[in-house]
């Protein structure tokens, strides 16, 4: 099993920045990818960004050039630096990981609200 604990999030004005962090514990050696998803009210959960153990990254088109995902050298935590935030980025952001055995784990979610 893997446990994920998120931190960061909150309220920010349009054009502002926020940083989300996620720390993993448990069967860390089994993790293949870690990433961030988000879910806005009335919408499906969508991938925001992910990073593999080999540091390959993947971003949603809507956040390319604004968001940056990074991981520590031990691949036990990830950060999501979010710049130039827009009201459309308002959502609950979830940390997720997938193991080599194709198991998925989720954090509890953290609210990001972009509003003036």
PDB file of N, CA and C in Angstrom:
ATOM      1  N   UNK A   1       0.834  -1.207   0.000  1.00  0.00           N
ATOM      2  CA  UNK A   1       0.000   0.000   0.000  1.00  0.00           C
ATOM      3  C   UNK A   1       0.858   1.241   0.000  1.00  0.00           C
ATOM      4  N   UNK A   2       0.304   2.311  -0.568  1.00  0.00           N
ATOM      5  CA  UNK A   2       0.970   3.614  -0.597  1.00  0.00           C
ATOM      6  C   UNK A   2       0.010   4.645  -0.024  1.00  0.00           C
ATOM      7  N   UNK A   3       0.526   5.502   0.811  1.00  0.00           N
ATOM      8  CA  UNK A   3      -0.263   6.610   1.350  1.00  0.00           C
ATOM      9  C   UNK A   3       0.277   7.919   0.780  1.00  0.00           C
ATOM     10  N   UNK A   4      -0.639   8.814   0.439  1.00  0.00           N
ATOM     11  CA  UNK A   4      -0.275  10.103  -0.157  1.00  0.00           C
ATOM     12  C   UNK A   4      -0.866  11.219   0.692  1.00  0.00           C
ATOM     13  N   UNK A   5      -0.027  12.187   1.044  1.00  0.00           N
ATOM     14  CA  UNK A   5      -0.469  13.322   1.846  1.00  0.00           C
ATOM     15  C   UNK A   5      -0.151  14.606   1.098  1.00  0.00           C
ATOM     16  N   UNK A   6      -1.180  15.388   0.823  1.00  0.00           N
ATOM     17  CA  UNK A   6      -1.022  16.629   0.066  1.00  0.00           C
ATOM     18  C   UNK A   6      -0.935  17.826   1.008  1.00  0.00           C
ATOM     19  N   UNK A   7      -0.306  18.879   0.513  1.00  0.00           N
ATOM     20  CA  UNK A   7      -0.289  20.158   1.211  1.00  0.00           C
ATOM     21  C   UNK A   7      -0.252  21.266   0.180  1.00  0.00           C
ATOM     22  N   UNK A   8      -0.600  22.465   0.610  1.00  0.00           N
ATOM     23  CA  UNK A   8      -0.673  23.599  -0.290  1.00  0.00           C
ATOM     24  C   UNK A   8      -2.113  23.851  -0.685  1.00  0.00           C
ATOM     25  N   UNK A   9      -2.304  24.606  -1.715  1.00  0.00           N
ATOM     26  CA  UNK A   9      -3.653  24.975  -2.120  1.00  0.00           C
ATOM     27  C   UNK A   9      -4.113  26.205  -1.386  1.00  0.00           C
ATOM     28  N   UNK A  10      -5.340  26.629  -1.692  1.00  0.00           N
ATOM     29  CA  UNK A  10      -5.904  27.813  -1.063  1.00  0.00           C
ATOM     30  C   UNK A  10      -6.531  28.745  -2.068  1.00  0.00           C
ATOM     31  N   UNK A  11      -6.658  30.001  -1.669  1.00  0.00           N
ATOM     32  CA  UNK A  11      -7.290  31.022  -2.497  1.00  0.00           C
ATOM     33  C   UNK A  11      -6.223  31.953  -3.061  1.00  0.00           C
ATOM     34  N   UNK A  12      -6.303  32.223  -4.350  1.00  0.00           N
ATOM     35  CA  UNK A  12      -5.340  33.108  -5.001  1.00  0.00           C
ATOM     36  C   UNK A  12      -6.067  33.922  -6.068  1.00  0.00           C
ATOM     37  N   UNK A  13      -5.567  35.113  -6.337  1.00  0.00           N
ATOM     38  CA  UNK A  13      -6.155  35.949  -7.367  1.00  0.00           C
ATOM     39  C   UNK A  13      -5.708  35.498  -8.750  1.00  0.00           C
ATOM     40  N   UNK A  14      -6.485  35.781  -9.777  1.00  0.00           N
ATOM     41  CA  UNK A  14      -6.064  35.452 -11.147  1.00  0.00           C
ATOM     42  C   UNK A  14      -4.699  36.047 -11.454  1.00  0.00           C
ATOM     43  N   UNK A  15      -3.866  35.241 -12.099  1.00  0.00           N
ATOM     44  CA  UNK A  15      -2.500  35.655 -12.393  1.00  0.00           C
ATOM     45  C   UNK A  15      -1.505  35.292 -11.310  1.00  0.00           C
ATOM     46  N   UNK A  16      -1.998  34.831 -10.179  1.00  0.00           N
ATOM     47  CA  UNK A  16      -1.131  34.483  -9.062  1.00  0.00           C
ATOM     48  C   UNK A  16      -0.555  33.088  -9.179  1.00  0.00           C
ATOM     49  N   UNK A  17       0.171  32.687  -8.136  1.00  0.00           N
ATOM     50  CA  UNK A  17       0.854  31.394  -8.120  1.00  0.00           C
ATOM     51  C   UNK A  17       0.544  30.640  -6.840  1.00  0.00           C
ATOM     52  N   UNK A  18       0.589  29.327  -6.949  1.00  0.00           N
ATOM     53  CA  UNK A  18       0.472  28.430  -5.804  1.00  0.00           C
ATOM     54  C   UNK A  18       1.368  27.230  -6.026  1.00  0.00           C
ATOM     55  N   UNK A  19       1.726  26.592  -4.937  1.00  0.00           N
ATOM     56  CA  UNK A  19       2.573  25.393  -5.011  1.00  0.00           C
ATOM     57  C   UNK A  19       1.906  24.296  -4.198  1.00  0.00           C
ATOM     58  N   UNK A  20       1.700  23.159  -4.846  1.00  0.00           N
ATOM     59  CA  UNK A  20       1.159  21.990  -4.175  1.00  0.00           C
ATOM     60  C   UNK A  20       2.275  20.980  -3.951  1.00  0.00           C
ATOM     61  N   UNK A  21       2.201  20.289  -2.821  1.00  0.00           N
ATOM     62  CA  UNK A  21       3.181  19.249  -2.520  1.00  0.00           C
ATOM     63  C   UNK A  21       2.464  17.971  -2.138  1.00  0.00           C
ATOM     64  N   UNK A  22       3.112  16.849  -2.410  1.00  0.00           N
ATOM     65  CA  UNK A  22       2.550  15.542  -2.084  1.00  0.00           C
ATOM     66  C   UNK A  22       3.685  14.633  -1.646  1.00  0.00           C
ATOM     67  N   UNK A  23       3.522  14.029  -0.482  1.00  0.00           N
ATOM     68  CA  UNK A  23       4.520  13.111   0.047  1.00  0.00           C
ATOM     69  C   UNK A  23       3.933  11.709   0.105  1.00  0.00           C
ATOM     70  N   UNK A  24       4.711  10.748  -0.369  1.00  0.00           N
ATOM     71  CA  UNK A  24       4.278   9.356  -0.370  1.00  0.00           C
ATOM     72  C   UNK A  24       4.973   8.595   0.748  1.00  0.00           C
ATOM     73  N   UNK A  25       4.275   7.589   1.251  1.00  0.00           N
ATOM     74  CA  UNK A  25       4.863   6.684   2.239  1.00  0.00           C
ATOM     75  C   UNK A  25       4.303   5.297   1.980  1.00  0.00           C
ATOM     76  N   UNK A  26       4.969   4.293   2.558  1.00  0.00           N
ATOM     77  CA  UNK A  26       4.535   2.927   2.351  1.00  0.00           C
ATOM     78  C   UNK A  26       5.459   2.201   1.390  1.00  0.00           C
ATOM     79  N   UNK A  27       4.879   1.485   0.427  1.00  0.00           N
ATOM     80  CA  UNK A  27       5.649   0.681  -0.527  1.00  0.00           C
ATOM     81  C   UNK A  27       6.211   1.579  -1.627  1.00  0.00           C
ATOM     82  N   UNK A  28       7.169   2.405  -1.277  1.00  0.00           N
ATOM     83  CA  UNK A  28       7.663   3.422  -2.192  1.00  0.00           C
ATOM     84  C   UNK A  28       8.357   2.825  -3.407  1.00  0.00           C
ATOM     85  N   UNK A  29       8.974   1.686  -3.245  1.00  0.00           N
ATOM     86  CA  UNK A  29       9.726   1.082  -4.341  1.00  0.00           C
ATOM     87  C   UNK A  29       8.807   0.640  -5.471  1.00  0.00           C
ATOM     88  N   UNK A  30       7.510   0.513  -5.170  1.00  0.00           N
ATOM     89  CA  UNK A  30       6.564   0.023  -6.171  1.00  0.00           C
ATOM     90  C   UNK A  30       5.986   1.134  -7.051  1.00  0.00           C
ATOM     91  N   UNK A  31       6.316   2.394  -6.714  1.00  0.00           N
ATOM     92  CA  UNK A  31       5.731   3.513  -7.456  1.00  0.00           C
ATOM     93  C   UNK A  31       6.399   3.685  -8.810  1.00  0.00           C
ATOM     94  N   UNK A  32       5.572   3.804  -9.852  1.00  0.00           N
ATOM     95  CA  UNK A  32       6.072   4.039 -11.208  1.00  0.00           C
ATOM     96  C   UNK A  32       5.857   5.493 -11.629  1.00  0.00           C
ATOM     97  N   UNK A  33       4.662   6.014 -11.408  1.00  0.00           N
ATOM     98  CA  UNK A  33       4.373   7.409 -11.732  1.00  0.00           C
ATOM     99  C   UNK A  33       3.687   8.087 -10.554  1.00  0.00           C
ATOM    100  N   UNK A  34       3.894   9.372 -10.458  1.00  0.00           N
ATOM    101  CA  UNK A  34       3.150  10.208  -9.515  1.00  0.00           C
ATOM    102  C   UNK A  34       2.635  11.403 -10.283  1.00  0.00           C
ATOM    103  N   UNK A  35       1.490  11.903  -9.878  1.00  0.00           N
ATOM    104  CA  UNK A  35       0.947  13.025 -10.622  1.00  0.00           C
ATOM    105  C   UNK A  35      -0.175  13.724  -9.885  1.00  0.00           C
ATOM    106  N   UNK A  36      -0.704  14.724 -10.550  1.00  0.00           N
ATOM    107  CA  UNK A  36      -1.801  15.529 -10.028  1.00  0.00           C
ATOM    108  C   UNK A  36      -2.987  15.467 -10.988  1.00  0.00           C
ATOM    109  N   UNK A  37      -4.151  15.271 -10.416  1.00  0.00           N
ATOM    110  CA  UNK A  37      -5.416  15.345 -11.132  1.00  0.00           C
ATOM    111  C   UNK A  37      -6.235  16.452 -10.485  1.00  0.00           C
ATOM    112  N   UNK A  38      -7.246  16.898 -11.196  1.00  0.00           N
ATOM    113  CA  UNK A  38      -8.154  17.887 -10.609  1.00  0.00           C
ATOM    114  C   UNK A  38      -9.584  17.604 -11.026  1.00  0.00           C
ATOM    115  N   UNK A  39     -10.500  18.055 -10.188  1.00  0.00           N
ATOM    116  CA  UNK A  39     -11.908  17.887 -10.484  1.00  0.00           C
ATOM    117  C   UNK A  39     -12.651  19.159 -10.093  1.00  0.00           C
ATOM    118  N   UNK A  40     -13.228  19.808 -11.091  1.00  0.00           N
ATOM    119  CA  UNK A  40     -14.030  21.000 -10.865  1.00  0.00           C
ATOM    120  C   UNK A  40     -15.490  20.580 -10.678  1.00  0.00           C
ATOM    121  N   UNK A  41     -16.287  21.419 -10.032  1.00  0.00           N
ATOM    122  CA  UNK A  41     -17.705  21.074  -9.821  1.00  0.00           C
ATOM    123  C   UNK A  41     -18.407  20.772 -11.137  1.00  0.00           C
ATOM    124  N   UNK A  42     -19.095  19.643 -11.170  1.00  0.00           N
ATOM    125  CA  UNK A  42     -19.855  19.266 -12.354  1.00  0.00           C
ATOM    126  C   UNK A  42     -19.027  18.711 -13.490  1.00  0.00           C
ATOM    127  N   UNK A  43     -17.728  18.528 -13.259  1.00  0.00           N
ATOM    128  CA  UNK A  43     -16.850  18.018 -14.320  1.00  0.00           C
ATOM    129  C   UNK A  43     -16.176  16.741 -13.872  1.00  0.00           C
ATOM    130  N   UNK A  44     -15.662  16.012 -14.859  1.00  0.00           N
ATOM    131  CA  UNK A  44     -14.941  14.785 -14.548  1.00  0.00           C
ATOM    132  C   UNK A  44     -13.531  15.100 -14.062  1.00  0.00           C
ATOM    133  N   UNK A  45     -12.969  14.166 -13.304  1.00  0.00           N
ATOM    134  CA  UNK A  45     -11.585  14.324 -12.865  1.00  0.00           C
ATOM    135  C   UNK A  45     -10.674  14.224 -14.088  1.00  0.00           C
ATOM    136  N   UNK A  46      -9.678  15.105 -14.163  1.00  0.00           N
ATOM    137  CA  UNK A  46      -8.773  15.118 -15.311  1.00  0.00           C
ATOM    138  C   UNK A  46      -7.320  15.180 -14.860  1.00  0.00           C
ATOM    139  N   UNK A  47      -6.468  14.633 -15.703  1.00  0.00           N
ATOM    140  CA  UNK A  47      -5.036  14.686 -15.442  1.00  0.00           C
ATOM    141  C   UNK A  47      -4.537  16.117 -15.623  1.00  0.00           C
ATOM    142  N   UNK A  48      -3.723  16.571 -14.680  1.00  0.00           N
ATOM    143  CA  UNK A  48      -3.067  17.868 -14.794  1.00  0.00           C
ATOM    144  C   UNK A  48      -1.616  17.678 -15.236  1.00  0.00           C
ATOM    145  N   UNK A  49      -0.890  16.858 -14.499  1.00  0.00           N
ATOM    146  CA  UNK A  49       0.507  16.611 -14.827  1.00  0.00           C
ATOM    147  C   UNK A  49       0.956  15.346 -14.117  1.00  0.00           C
ATOM    148  N   UNK A  50       1.916  14.647 -14.709  1.00  0.00           N
ATOM    149  CA  UNK A  50       2.463  13.453 -14.080  1.00  0.00           C
ATOM    150  C   UNK A  50       3.940  13.339 -14.412  1.00  0.00           C
ATOM    151  N   UNK A  51       4.652  12.606 -13.569  1.00  0.00           N
ATOM    152  CA  UNK A  51       6.077  12.385 -13.769  1.00  0.00           C
ATOM    153  C   UNK A  51       6.379  10.929 -13.448  1.00  0.00           C
ATOM    154  N   UNK A  52       7.166  10.303 -14.298  1.00  0.00           N
ATOM    155  CA  UNK A  52       7.517   8.905 -14.083  1.00  0.00           C
ATOM    156  C   UNK A  52       8.804   8.788 -13.282  1.00  0.00           C
ATOM    157  N   UNK A  53       9.123   7.579 -12.871  1.00  0.00           N
ATOM    158  CA  UNK A  53      10.349   7.351 -12.109  1.00  0.00           C
ATOM    159  C   UNK A  53      11.588   7.737 -12.925  1.00  0.00           C
ATOM    160  N   UNK A  54      11.467   7.670 -14.246  1.00  0.00           N
ATOM    161  CA  UNK A  54      12.577   8.064 -15.118  1.00  0.00           C
ATOM    162  C   UNK A  54      12.514   9.533 -15.506  1.00  0.00           C
ATOM    163  N   UNK A  55      11.658  10.305 -14.810  1.00  0.00           N
ATOM    164  CA  UNK A  55      11.555  11.761 -14.986  1.00  0.00           C
ATOM    165  C   UNK A  55      10.905  12.192 -16.291  1.00  0.00           C
ATOM    166  N   UNK A  56      10.195  11.296 -16.935  1.00  0.00           N
ATOM    167  CA  UNK A  56       9.390  11.704 -18.080  1.00  0.00           C
ATOM    168  C   UNK A  56       8.142  12.406 -17.556  1.00  0.00           C
ATOM    169  N   UNK A  57       7.836  13.574 -18.133  1.00  0.00           N
ATOM    170  CA  UNK A  57       6.674  14.343 -17.672  1.00  0.00           C
ATOM    171  C   UNK A  57       5.609  14.427 -18.749  1.00  0.00           C
ATOM    172  N   UNK A  58       4.388  14.617 -18.301  1.00  0.00           N
ATOM    173  CA  UNK A  58       3.250  14.741 -19.201  1.00  0.00           C
ATOM    174  C   UNK A  58       2.303  15.778 -18.606  1.00  0.00           C
ATOM    175  N   UNK A  59       1.838  16.718 -19.435  1.00  0.00           N
ATOM    176  CA  UNK A  59       0.980  17.800 -18.971  1.00  0.00           C
ATOM    177  C   UNK A  59      -0.314  17.871 -19.787  1.00  0.00           C
ATOM    178  N   UNK A  60      -1.375  18.304 -19.135  1.00  0.00           N
ATOM    179  CA  UNK A  60      -2.587  18.641 -19.875  1.00  0.00           C
ATOM    180  C   UNK A  60      -2.303  19.879 -20.726  1.00  0.00           C
ATOM    181  N   UNK A  61      -2.899  19.934 -21.897  1.00  0.00           N
ATOM    182  CA  UNK A  61      -2.662  21.076 -22.784  1.00  0.00           C
ATOM    183  C   UNK A  61      -3.015  22.395 -22.104  1.00  0.00           C
ATOM    184  N   UNK A  62      -4.033  22.373 -21.266  1.00  0.00           N
ATOM    185  CA  UNK A  62      -4.521  23.607 -20.646  1.00  0.00           C
ATOM    186  C   UNK A  62      -3.541  24.203 -19.643  1.00  0.00           C
ATOM    187  N   UNK A  63      -2.551  23.424 -19.196  1.00  0.00           N
ATOM    188  CA  UNK A  63      -1.617  23.942 -18.185  1.00  0.00           C
ATOM    189  C   UNK A  63      -0.192  24.044 -18.694  1.00  0.00           C
ATOM    190  N   UNK A  64       0.056  23.600 -19.902  1.00  0.00           N
ATOM    191  CA  UNK A  64       1.416  23.651 -20.449  1.00  0.00           C
ATOM    192  C   UNK A  64       1.917  25.092 -20.466  1.00  0.00           C
ATOM    193  N   UNK A  65       3.155  25.267 -20.009  1.00  0.00           N
ATOM    194  CA  UNK A  65       3.751  26.593 -19.954  1.00  0.00           C
ATOM    195  C   UNK A  65       3.416  27.369 -18.699  1.00  0.00           C
ATOM    196  N   UNK A  66       2.455  26.889 -17.929  1.00  0.00           N
ATOM    197  CA  UNK A  66       2.075  27.578 -16.685  1.00  0.00           C
ATOM    198  C   UNK A  66       2.386  26.747 -15.446  1.00  0.00           C
ATOM    199  N   UNK A  67       2.230  25.439 -15.544  1.00  0.00           N
ATOM    200  CA  UNK A  67       2.440  24.543 -14.410  1.00  0.00           C
ATOM    201  C   UNK A  67       3.719  23.740 -14.636  1.00  0.00           C
ATOM    202  N   UNK A  68       4.402  23.419 -13.542  1.00  0.00           N
ATOM    203  CA  UNK A  68       5.600  22.589 -13.606  1.00  0.00           C
ATOM    204  C   UNK A  68       5.540  21.546 -12.508  1.00  0.00           C
ATOM    205  N   UNK A  69       5.689  20.281 -12.893  1.00  0.00           N
ATOM    206  CA  UNK A  69       5.722  19.195 -11.922  1.00  0.00           C
ATOM    207  C   UNK A  69       7.167  18.793 -11.707  1.00  0.00           C
ATOM    208  N   UNK A  70       7.517  18.479 -10.469  1.00  0.00           N
ATOM    209  CA  UNK A  70       8.875  18.046 -10.150  1.00  0.00           C
ATOM    210  C   UNK A  70       8.798  17.006  -9.043  1.00  0.00           C
ATOM    211  N   UNK A  71       9.862  16.217  -8.949  1.00  0.00           N
ATOM    212  CA  UNK A  71       9.932  15.207  -7.902  1.00  0.00           C
ATOM    213  C   UNK A  71      11.292  15.267  -7.229  1.00  0.00           C
ATOM    214  N   UNK A  72      11.376  14.742  -6.026  1.00  0.00           N
ATOM    215  CA  UNK A  72      12.678  14.695  -5.363  1.00  0.00           C
ATOM    216  C   UNK A  72      13.486  13.529  -5.920  1.00  0.00           C
ATOM    217  N   UNK A  73      14.748  13.485  -5.577  1.00  0.00           N
ATOM    218  CA  UNK A  73      15.637  12.480  -6.172  1.00  0.00           C
ATOM    219  C   UNK A  73      15.234  11.063  -5.769  1.00  0.00           C
ATOM    220  N   UNK A  74      14.643  10.931  -4.602  1.00  0.00           N
ATOM    221  CA  UNK A  74      14.229   9.610  -4.135  1.00  0.00           C
ATOM    222  C   UNK A  74      12.887   9.184  -4.701  1.00  0.00           C
ATOM    223  N   UNK A  75      12.248  10.098  -5.438  1.00  0.00           N
ATOM    224  CA  UNK A  75      10.931   9.809  -6.049  1.00  0.00           C
ATOM    225  C   UNK A  75       9.889   9.465  -4.998  1.00  0.00           C
ATOM    226  N   UNK A  76       9.961  10.170  -3.869  1.00  0.00           N
ATOM    227  CA  UNK A  76       8.988   9.938  -2.808  1.00  0.00           C
ATOM    228  C   UNK A  76       8.064  11.117  -2.599  1.00  0.00           C
ATOM    229  N   UNK A  77       8.304  12.199  -3.304  1.00  0.00           N
ATOM    230  CA  UNK A  77       7.424  13.355  -3.198  1.00  0.00           C
ATOM    231  C   UNK A  77       7.414  14.108  -4.519  1.00  0.00           C
ATOM    232  N   UNK A  78       6.343  14.828  -4.745  1.00  0.00           N
ATOM    233  CA  UNK A  78       6.240  15.651  -5.946  1.00  0.00           C
ATOM    234  C   UNK A  78       5.698  17.020  -5.575  1.00  0.00           C
ATOM    235  N   UNK A  79       6.024  17.980  -6.411  1.00  0.00           N
ATOM    236  CA  UNK A  79       5.496  19.324  -6.266  1.00  0.00           C
ATOM    237  C   UNK A  79       4.833  19.743  -7.573  1.00  0.00           C
ATOM    238  N   UNK A  80       3.886  20.625  -7.472  1.00  0.00           N
ATOM    239  CA  UNK A  80       3.270  21.213  -8.647  1.00  0.00           C
ATOM    240  C   UNK A  80       3.301  22.723  -8.473  1.00  0.00           C
ATOM    241  N   UNK A  81       4.158  23.379  -9.227  1.00  0.00           N
ATOM    242  CA  UNK A  81       4.234  24.827  -9.217  1.00  0.00           C
ATOM    243  C   UNK A  81       3.245  25.355 -10.240  1.00  0.00           C
ATOM    244  N   UNK A  82       2.299  26.142  -9.781  1.00  0.00           N
ATOM    245  CA  UNK A  82       1.239  26.653 -10.653  1.00  0.00           C
ATOM    246  C   UNK A  82       1.367  28.166 -10.750  1.00  0.00           C
ATOM    247  N   UNK A  83       1.662  28.641 -11.946  1.00  0.00           N
ATOM    248  CA  UNK A  83       1.808  30.076 -12.199  1.00  0.00           C
ATOM    249  C   UNK A  83       0.714  30.552 -13.147  1.00  0.00           C
ATOM    250  N   UNK A  84       0.539  31.844 -13.199  1.00  0.00           N
ATOM    251  CA  UNK A  84      -0.460  32.453 -14.090  1.00  0.00           C
ATOM    252  C   UNK A  84      -1.813  31.762 -13.958  1.00  0.00           C
ATOM    253  N   UNK A  85      -2.238  31.594 -12.733  1.00  0.00           N
ATOM    254  CA  UNK A  85      -3.486  30.865 -12.474  1.00  0.00           C
ATOM    255  C   UNK A  85      -4.685  31.613 -13.022  1.00  0.00           C
ATOM    256  N   UNK A  86      -5.643  30.836 -13.496  1.00  0.00           N
ATOM    257  CA  UNK A  86      -6.868  31.361 -14.089  1.00  0.00           C
ATOM    258  C   UNK A  86      -8.068  30.832 -13.314  1.00  0.00           C
ATOM    259  N   UNK A  87      -9.191  31.535 -13.368  1.00  0.00           N
ATOM    260  CA  UNK A  87     -10.388  31.022 -12.671  1.00  0.00           C
ATOM    261  C   UNK A  87     -10.742  29.595 -13.090  1.00  0.00           C
ATOM    262  N   UNK A  88     -10.438  29.255 -14.341  1.00  0.00           N
ATOM    263  CA  UNK A  88     -10.731  27.907 -14.833  1.00  0.00           C
ATOM    264  C   UNK A  88      -9.885  26.825 -14.156  1.00  0.00           C
ATOM    265  N   UNK A  89      -8.856  27.227 -13.431  1.00  0.00           N
ATOM    266  CA  UNK A  89      -8.025  26.273 -12.703  1.00  0.00           C
ATOM    267  C   UNK A  89      -8.640  25.913 -11.352  1.00  0.00           C
ATOM    268  N   UNK A  90      -9.715  26.565 -10.978  1.00  0.00           N
ATOM    269  CA  UNK A  90     -10.369  26.272  -9.711  1.00  0.00           C
ATOM    270  C   UNK A  90     -10.886  24.843  -9.695  1.00  0.00           C
ATOM    271  N   UNK A  91     -10.474  24.089  -8.690  1.00  0.00           N
ATOM    272  CA  UNK A  91     -10.853  22.685  -8.604  1.00  0.00           C
ATOM    273  C   UNK A  91     -10.280  22.099  -7.318  1.00  0.00           C
ATOM    274  N   UNK A  92     -10.692  20.874  -7.029  1.00  0.00           N
ATOM    275  CA  UNK A  92     -10.012  20.087  -6.007  1.00  0.00           C
ATOM    276  C   UNK A  92      -8.889  19.329  -6.708  1.00  0.00           C
ATOM    277  N   UNK A  93      -7.690  19.471  -6.213  1.00  0.00           N
ATOM    278  CA  UNK A  93      -6.515  18.827  -6.805  1.00  0.00           C
ATOM    279  C   UNK A  93      -6.158  17.601  -5.980  1.00  0.00           C
ATOM    280  N   UNK A  94      -5.953  16.485  -6.678  1.00  0.00           N
ATOM    281  CA  UNK A  94      -5.656  15.217  -6.037  1.00  0.00           C
ATOM    282  C   UNK A  94      -4.277  14.727  -6.469  1.00  0.00           C
ATOM    283  N   UNK A  95      -3.497  14.307  -5.487  1.00  0.00           N
ATOM    284  CA  UNK A  95      -2.251  13.623  -5.778  1.00  0.00           C
ATOM    285  C   UNK A  95      -2.557  12.158  -6.037  1.00  0.00           C
ATOM    286  N   UNK A  96      -1.859  11.571  -6.987  1.00  0.00           N
ATOM    287  CA  UNK A  96      -2.096  10.180  -7.337  1.00  0.00           C
ATOM    288  C   UNK A  96      -0.789   9.500  -7.660  1.00  0.00           C
ATOM    289  N   UNK A  97      -0.757   8.213  -7.481  1.00  0.00           N
ATOM    290  CA  UNK A  97       0.389   7.447  -7.952  1.00  0.00           C
ATOM    291  C   UNK A  97      -0.086   6.112  -8.517  1.00  0.00           C
ATOM    292  N   UNK A  98       0.724   5.585  -9.381  1.00  0.00           N
ATOM    293  CA  UNK A  98       0.446   4.284  -9.976  1.00  0.00           C
ATOM    294  C   UNK A  98       1.685   3.421  -9.789  1.00  0.00           C
ATOM    295  N   UNK A  99       1.453   2.175  -9.411  1.00  0.00           N
ATOM    296  CA  UNK A  99       2.565   1.276  -9.162  1.00  0.00           C
ATOM    297  C   UNK A  99       2.877   0.430 -10.393  1.00  0.00           C
ATOM    298  N   UNK A 100       4.009  -0.264 -10.331  1.00  0.00           N
ATOM    299  CA  UNK A 100       4.366  -1.181 -11.411  1.00  0.00           C
ATOM    300  C   UNK A 100       3.316  -2.271 -11.568  1.00  0.00           C
ATOM    301  N   UNK A 101       2.612  -2.572 -10.504  1.00  0.00           N
ATOM    302  CA  UNK A 101       1.528  -3.552 -10.544  1.00  0.00           C
ATOM    303  C   UNK A 101       0.199  -2.965 -10.967  1.00  0.00           C
ATOM    304  N   UNK A 102       0.224  -1.715 -11.464  1.00  0.00           N
ATOM    305  CA  UNK A 102      -0.959  -1.006 -11.977  1.00  0.00           C
ATOM    306  C   UNK A 102      -1.997  -0.731 -10.907  1.00  0.00           C
ATOM    307  N   UNK A 103      -1.566  -0.645  -9.646  1.00  0.00           N
ATOM    308  CA  UNK A 103      -2.474  -0.193  -8.588  1.00  0.00           C
ATOM    309  C   UNK A 103      -2.447   1.332  -8.574  1.00  0.00           C
ATOM    310  N   UNK A 104      -3.565   1.935  -8.238  1.00  0.00           N
ATOM    311  CA  UNK A 104      -3.660   3.387  -8.146  1.00  0.00           C
ATOM    312  C   UNK A 104      -3.989   3.794  -6.714  1.00  0.00           C
ATOM    313  N   UNK A 105      -3.343   4.854  -6.265  1.00  0.00           N
ATOM    314  CA  UNK A 105      -3.609   5.393  -4.939  1.00  0.00           C
ATOM    315  C   UNK A 105      -3.871   6.891  -5.073  1.00  0.00           C
ATOM    316  N   UNK A 106      -4.691   7.405  -4.149  1.00  0.00           N
ATOM    317  CA  UNK A 106      -5.100   8.806  -4.203  1.00  0.00           C
ATOM    318  C   UNK A 106      -4.939   9.487  -2.848  1.00  0.00           C
ATOM    319  N   UNK A 107      -4.613  10.775  -2.905  1.00  0.00           N
ATOM    320  CA  UNK A 107      -4.626  11.590  -1.700  1.00  0.00           C
ATOM    321  C   UNK A 107      -6.042  12.062  -1.409  1.00  0.00           C
ATOM    322  N   UNK A 108      -6.175  12.840  -0.339  1.00  0.00           N
ATOM    323  CA  UNK A 108      -7.500  13.263   0.099  1.00  0.00           C
ATOM    324  C   UNK A 108      -8.013  14.459  -0.688  1.00  0.00           C
ATOM    325  N   UNK A 109      -7.141  15.138  -1.421  1.00  0.00           N
ATOM    326  CA  UNK A 109      -7.541  16.291  -2.220  1.00  0.00           C
ATOM    327  C   UNK A 109      -7.314  17.596  -1.488  1.00  0.00           C
ATOM    328  N   UNK A 110      -6.995  18.638  -2.243  1.00  0.00           N
ATOM    329  CA  UNK A 110      -6.820  19.963  -1.680  1.00  0.00           C
ATOM    330  C   UNK A 110      -7.470  20.982  -2.613  1.00  0.00           C
ATOM    331  N   UNK A 111      -8.171  21.931  -2.034  1.00  0.00           N
ATOM    332  CA  UNK A 111      -8.931  22.891  -2.820  1.00  0.00           C
ATOM    333  C   UNK A 111      -8.035  24.017  -3.315  1.00  0.00           C
ATOM    334  N   UNK A 112      -8.152  24.328  -4.595  1.00  0.00           N
ATOM    335  CA  UNK A 112      -7.515  25.502  -5.197  1.00  0.00           C
ATOM    336  C   UNK A 112      -8.620  26.375  -5.767  1.00  0.00           C
ATOM    337  N   UNK A 113      -8.668  27.605  -5.308  1.00  0.00           N
ATOM    338  CA  UNK A 113      -9.665  28.547  -5.781  1.00  0.00           C
ATOM    339  C   UNK A 113      -8.980  29.778  -6.342  1.00  0.00           C
ATOM    340  N   UNK A 114      -9.287  30.104  -7.596  1.00  0.00           N
ATOM    341  CA  UNK A 114      -8.705  31.273  -8.255  1.00  0.00           C
ATOM    342  C   UNK A 114      -9.843  32.273  -8.464  1.00  0.00           C
ATOM    343  N   UNK A 115      -9.782  33.353  -7.725  1.00  0.00           N
ATOM    344  CA  UNK A 115     -10.881  34.320  -7.763  1.00  0.00           C
ATOM    345  C   UNK A 115     -10.400  35.663  -7.271  1.00  0.00           C
ATOM    346  N   UNK A 116     -10.966  36.720  -7.835  1.00  0.00           N
ATOM    347  CA  UNK A 116     -10.652  38.059  -7.369  1.00  0.00           C
ATOM    348  C   UNK A 116     -11.657  38.495  -6.297  1.00  0.00           C
TER     349      UNK A 116
END
